[in-house]
C-alpha atoms as a PDB file:
ATOM      1  CA  MET A   1     197.142  82.065-108.618  1.00  0.00           C
ATOM      2  CA  PHE A   2     195.819  80.547-105.406  1.00  0.00           C
ATOM      3  CA  ASP A   3     192.755  82.349-104.031  1.00  0.00           C
ATOM      4  CA  MET A   4     193.419  82.986-100.325  1.00  0.00           C
ATOM      5  CA  SER A   5     190.138  84.844 -99.756  1.00  0.00           C
ATOM      6  CA  LYS A   6     188.180  81.710 -98.885  1.00  0.00           C
ATOM      7  CA  TYR A   7     190.690  80.849 -96.136  1.00  0.00           C
ATOM      8  CA  ASN A   8     190.957  84.216 -94.390  1.00  0.00           C
ATOM      9  CA  SER A   9     188.167  83.519 -91.904  1.00  0.00           C
ATOM     10  CA  HIS A  10     189.147  79.866 -91.449  1.00  0.00           C
ATOM     11  CA  SER A  11     192.879  80.116 -90.776  1.00  0.00           C
ATOM     12  CA  LYS A  12     192.713  77.413 -88.090  1.00  0.00           C
ATOM     13  CA  ASN A  13     191.533  74.997 -90.769  1.00  0.00           C
ATOM     14  CA  LEU A  14     194.807  75.529 -92.620  1.00  0.00           C
ATOM     15  CA  ARG A  15     196.634  73.661 -89.844  1.00  0.00           C
ATOM     16  CA  VAL A  16     194.380  70.602 -89.985  1.00  0.00           C
ATOM     17  CA  GLY A  17     196.361  67.762 -91.502  1.00  0.00           C
ATOM     18  CA  ARG A  18     199.534  69.844 -91.880  1.00  0.00           C
ATOM     19  CA  VAL A  19     202.647  67.696 -91.759  1.00  0.00           C
ATOM     20  CA  SER A  20     206.222  68.969 -91.667  1.00  0.00           C
ATOM     21  CA  ILE A  21     208.602  66.651 -93.487  1.00  0.00           C
ATOM     22  CA  ALA A  22     212.347  67.241 -93.413  1.00  0.00           C
ATOM     23  CA  ASN A  23     213.877  67.818 -96.871  1.00  0.00           C
ATOM     24  CA  GLN A  24     210.412  68.216 -98.408  1.00  0.00           C
ATOM     25  CA  ILE A  25     209.949  71.093-100.861  1.00  0.00           C
ATOM     26  CA  TYR A  26     207.007  73.355-100.060  1.00  0.00           C
ATOM     27  CA  LEU A  27     205.295  76.220-101.841  1.00  0.00           C
ATOM     28  CA  ILE A  28     204.233  78.696 -99.156  1.00  0.00           C
ATOM     29  CA  THR A  29     201.874  81.633 -99.578  1.00  0.00           C
ATOM     30  CA  THR A  30     200.821  84.119 -96.937  1.00  0.00           C
ATOM     31  CA  VAL A  31     199.016  87.450 -97.121  1.00  0.00           C
ATOM     32  CA  THR A  32     199.181  90.721 -95.238  1.00  0.00           C
ATOM     33  CA  HIS A  33     196.572  91.731 -92.692  1.00  0.00           C
ATOM     34  CA  GLN A  34     193.437  92.722 -94.606  1.00  0.00           C
ATOM     35  CA  ARG A  35     195.466  92.352 -97.825  1.00  0.00           C
ATOM     36  CA  SER A  36     196.967  95.807 -97.222  1.00  0.00           C
ATOM     37  CA  PRO A  37     199.732  96.626 -99.745  1.00  0.00           C
ATOM     38  CA  LEU A  38     202.340  97.105 -97.001  1.00  0.00           C
ATOM     39  CA  PHE A  39     205.232  95.925 -99.172  1.00  0.00           C
ATOM     40  CA  ARG A  40     204.694  98.065-102.253  1.00  0.00           C
ATOM     41  CA  GLU A  41     207.927  99.959-101.543  1.00  0.00           C
ATOM     42  CA  TYR A  42     211.356  98.411-101.905  1.00  0.00           C
ATOM     43  CA  LYS A  43     212.471  99.278 -98.364  1.00  0.00           C
ATOM     44  CA  THR A  44     209.424  97.666 -96.746  1.00  0.00           C
ATOM     45  CA  GLY A  45     209.637  94.605 -99.008  1.00  0.00           C
ATOM     46  CA  ARG A  46     213.222  94.108 -97.867  1.00  0.00           C
ATOM     47  CA  CYS A  47     211.867  93.396 -94.371  1.00  0.00           C
ATOM     48  CA  VAL A  48     210.424  90.157 -95.756  1.00  0.00           C
ATOM     49  CA  VAL A  49     213.493  89.344 -97.853  1.00  0.00           C
ATOM     50  CA  ASN A  50     215.741  89.751 -94.808  1.00  0.00           C
ATOM     51  CA  ALA A  51     213.477  87.486 -92.745  1.00  0.00           C
ATOM     52  CA  LEU A  52     213.564  84.798 -95.460  1.00  0.00           C
ATOM     53  CA  ARG A  53     217.350  84.980 -95.508  1.00  0.00           C
ATOM     54  CA  ALA A  54     217.512  84.762 -91.718  1.00  0.00           C
ATOM     55  CA  ALA A  55     215.405  81.581 -91.885  1.00  0.00           C
ATOM     56  CA  GLU A  56     218.142  79.767 -93.835  1.00  0.00           C
ATOM     57  CA  LEU A  57     219.091  77.721 -90.752  1.00  0.00           C
ATOM     58  CA  SER A  58     215.689  76.030 -90.980  1.00  0.00           C
ATOM     59  CA  ALA A  59     214.722  76.280 -94.638  1.00  0.00           C
ATOM     60  CA  LEU A  60     216.626  76.378 -97.909  1.00  0.00           C
ATOM     61  CA  THR A  61     215.150  79.084-100.127  1.00  0.00           C
ATOM     62  CA  LEU A  62     214.734  77.970-103.724  1.00  0.00           C
ATOM     63  CA  SER A  63     212.692  80.942-104.909  1.00  0.00           C
ATOM     64  CA  TYR A  64     210.569  83.770-103.551  1.00  0.00           C
ATOM     65  CA  VAL A  65     208.712  86.890-104.541  1.00  0.00           C
ATOM     66  CA  VAL A  66     207.465  89.608-102.210  1.00  0.00           C
ATOM     67  CA  MET A  67     204.359  91.251-103.618  1.00  0.00           C
ATOM     68  CA  PRO A  68     202.678  94.352-102.151  1.00  0.00           C
ATOM     69  CA  ASP A  69     200.166  92.299-100.127  1.00  0.00           C
ATOM     70  CA  HIS A  70     201.581  88.759 -99.983  1.00  0.00           C
ATOM     71  CA  PHE A  71     204.587  86.593-100.653  1.00  0.00           C
ATOM     72  CA  HIS A  72     205.276  83.244-102.261  1.00  0.00           C
ATOM     73  CA  TRP A  73     208.182  81.133-101.071  1.00  0.00           C
ATOM     74  CA  LEU A  74     209.462  77.910-102.571  1.00  0.00           C
ATOM     75  CA  MET A  75     211.588  76.300 -99.892  1.00  0.00           C
ATOM     76  CA  GLN A  76     213.017  73.017 -98.710  1.00  0.00           C
ATOM     77  CA  LEU A  77     212.424  72.378 -95.029  1.00  0.00           C
ATOM     78  CA  LYS A  78     215.489  71.350 -93.059  1.00  0.00           C
ATOM     79  CA  GLU A  79     215.495  68.693 -90.350  1.00  0.00           C
ATOM     80  CA  ASN A  80     215.562  70.993 -87.342  1.00  0.00           C
ATOM     81  CA  ALA A  81     212.218  72.770 -87.824  1.00  0.00           C
ATOM     82  CA  THR A  82     208.524  72.544 -88.663  1.00  0.00           C
ATOM     83  CA  LEU A  83     206.617  74.618 -91.204  1.00  0.00           C
ATOM     84  CA  SER A  84     204.778  76.403 -88.407  1.00  0.00           C
ATOM     85  CA  GLN A  85     208.019  77.296 -86.608  1.00  0.00           C
ATOM     86  CA  VAL A  86     209.629  78.614 -89.773  1.00  0.00           C
ATOM     87  CA  MET A  87     206.602  80.661 -90.770  1.00  0.00           C
ATOM     88  CA  GLN A  88     206.196  82.026 -87.250  1.00  0.00           C
ATOM     89  CA  PHE A  89     209.820  83.186 -87.391  1.00  0.00           C
ATOM     90  CA  VAL A  90     209.529  84.752 -90.871  1.00  0.00           C
ATOM     91  CA  LYS A  91     206.262  86.509 -90.132  1.00  0.00           C
ATOM     92  CA  SER A  92     207.261  87.795 -86.694  1.00  0.00           C
ATOM     93  CA  SER A  93     210.736  88.864 -87.811  1.00  0.00           C
ATOM     94  CA  SER A  94     209.462  90.705 -90.876  1.00  0.00           C
ATOM     95  CA  ALA A  95     206.605  92.294 -88.908  1.00  0.00           C
ATOM     96  CA  LYS A  96     209.010  93.559 -86.250  1.00  0.00           C
ATOM     97  CA  SER A  97     211.300  95.028 -88.931  1.00  0.00           C
ATOM     98  CA  TYR A  98     208.359  96.571 -90.787  1.00  0.00           C
ATOM     99  CA  ASN A  99     206.953  98.146 -87.627  1.00  0.00           C
ATOM    100  CA  GLN A 100     210.364  99.500 -86.578  1.00  0.00           C
ATOM    101  CA  LEU A 101     210.934 100.971 -90.040  1.00  0.00           C
ATOM    102  CA  ASN A 102     207.520 102.644 -90.043  1.00  0.00           C
ATOM    103  CA  ASN A 103     207.306 103.557 -86.337  1.00  0.00           C
ATOM    104  CA  SER A 104     204.102 101.561 -86.123  1.00  0.00           C
ATOM    105  CA  GLY A 105     202.807  98.666 -84.102  1.00  0.00           C
ATOM    106  CA  GLY A 106     199.909  97.291 -86.067  1.00  0.00           C
ATOM    107  CA  SER A 107     199.261  93.863 -87.491  1.00  0.00           C
ATOM    108  CA  VAL A 108     201.310  93.060 -90.578  1.00  0.00           C
ATOM    109  CA  TRP A 109     200.277  89.493 -91.481  1.00  0.00           C
ATOM    110  CA  SER A 110     196.983  87.670 -91.539  1.00  0.00           C
ATOM    111  CA  LYS A 111     196.760  84.529 -89.445  1.00  0.00           C
ATOM    112  CA  GLY A 112     197.842  81.279 -91.033  1.00  0.00           C
ATOM    113  CA  PHE A 113     199.456  80.465 -94.344  1.00  0.00           C
ATOM    114  CA  HIS A 114     198.905  78.116 -97.238  1.00  0.00           C
ATOM    115  CA  ASP A 115     201.419  75.384 -97.945  1.00  0.00           C
ATOM    116  CA  ARG A 116     201.655  72.800-100.678  1.00  0.00           C
ATOM    117  CA  ALA A 117     204.140  69.945-100.554  1.00  0.00           C
ATOM    118  CA  LEU A 118     205.551  69.295-104.010  1.00  0.00           C
ATOM    119  CA  ARG A 119     205.827  65.713-105.187  1.00  0.00           C
ATOM    120  CA  ARG A 120     209.221  64.536-106.395  1.00  0.00           C
ATOM    121  CA  GLU A 121     208.104  64.345-110.001  1.00  0.00           C
ATOM    122  CA  GLU A 122     206.784  67.906-110.090  1.00  0.00           C
ATOM    123  CA  ASP A 123     208.666  70.614-111.942  1.00  0.00           C
ATOM    124  CA  VAL A 124     210.306  72.604-109.141  1.00  0.00           C
ATOM    125  CA  LYS A 125     211.883  75.061-111.587  1.00  0.00           C
ATOM    126  CA  GLY A 126     208.468  75.550-113.177  1.00  0.00           C
ATOM    127  CA  TYR A 127     207.052  76.558-109.803  1.00  0.00           C
ATOM    128  CA  ALA A 128     209.999  78.919-109.316  1.00  0.00           C
ATOM    129  CA  ARG A 129     209.292  80.538-112.702  1.00  0.00           C
ATOM    130  CA  TYR A 130     205.623  80.892-111.764  1.00  0.00           C
ATOM    131  CA  ILE A 131     206.602  82.575-108.481  1.00  0.00           C
ATOM    132  CA  VAL A 132     209.023  85.116-109.935  1.00  0.00           C
ATOM    133  CA  ALA A 133     206.594  85.980-112.749  1.00  0.00           C
ATOM    134  CA  ASN A 134     203.952  87.200-110.262  1.00  0.00           C
ATOM    135  CA  PRO A 135     204.839  90.914-110.627  1.00  0.00           C
ATOM    136  CA  LEU A 136     204.604  90.549-114.402  1.00  0.00           C
ATOM    137  CA  ARG A 137     201.179  88.873-114.253  1.00  0.00           C
ATOM    138  CA  ALA A 138     200.002  91.504-111.756  1.00  0.00           C
ATOM    139  CA  GLY A 139     200.992  94.271-114.171  1.00  0.00           C
ATOM    140  CA  ILE A 140     203.449  95.832-111.712  1.00  0.00           C
ATOM    141  CA  VAL A 141     206.354  95.601-114.181  1.00  0.00           C
ATOM    142  CA  ASP A 142     206.738  94.815-117.869  1.00  0.00           C
ATOM    143  CA  LYS A 143     209.846  92.668-117.319  1.00  0.00           C
ATOM    144  CA  VAL A 144     210.554  90.416-114.345  1.00  0.00           C
ATOM    145  CA  GLU A 145     214.096  91.754-114.071  1.00  0.00           C
ATOM    146  CA  ASN A 146     212.627  95.211-113.328  1.00  0.00           C
ATOM    147  CA  TYR A 147     211.115  93.952-110.056  1.00  0.00           C
ATOM    148  CA  PRO A 148     213.606  93.972-107.166  1.00  0.00           C
ATOM    149  CA  LEU A 149     211.898  91.705-104.607  1.00  0.00           C
ATOM    150  CA  TRP A 150     212.452  88.203-105.948  1.00  0.00           C
ATOM    151  CA  ASP A 151     215.168  85.601-106.272  1.00  0.00           C
ATOM    152  CA  ALA A 152     215.744  82.017-107.367  1.00  0.00           C
ATOM    153  CA  ILE A 153     218.758  79.798-106.708  1.00  0.00           C
ATOM    154  CA  TRP A 154     219.040  78.931-110.396  1.00  0.00           C
ATOM    155  CA  LEU A 155     220.008  82.471-111.362  1.00  0.00           C
END
């Protein structure tokens, strides 16, 4: 699993060299503010799922998992958007929903996000399997199918 801790204080550095390429497949990871487990409950996790679904005009979701303090998203960027625009939408939309649900107004997400462009020869389904197995590796569930906050287009 990617260690985000070394990037938390240098989120501006995550944008250096970032390129948004239409039809490119990206693995995106972002974490909650101070790694707080805000999405440990199904109803709060659905705030992120709904935001990912609403982003479908700009990004095709291949796979995702919403963990208590972060999410992974395997997506294909469409021609009408940049990675920064899509992530700004997902993070702001999910934060607004989370804060409305919880009658709060605090920060939900840390600044920045990590992205990795997959090369054509890489195993996209392998990355999807890695993503959806996160709750299993974290010891949250004993079977992936017992975790409700994930999906993959191949299923």
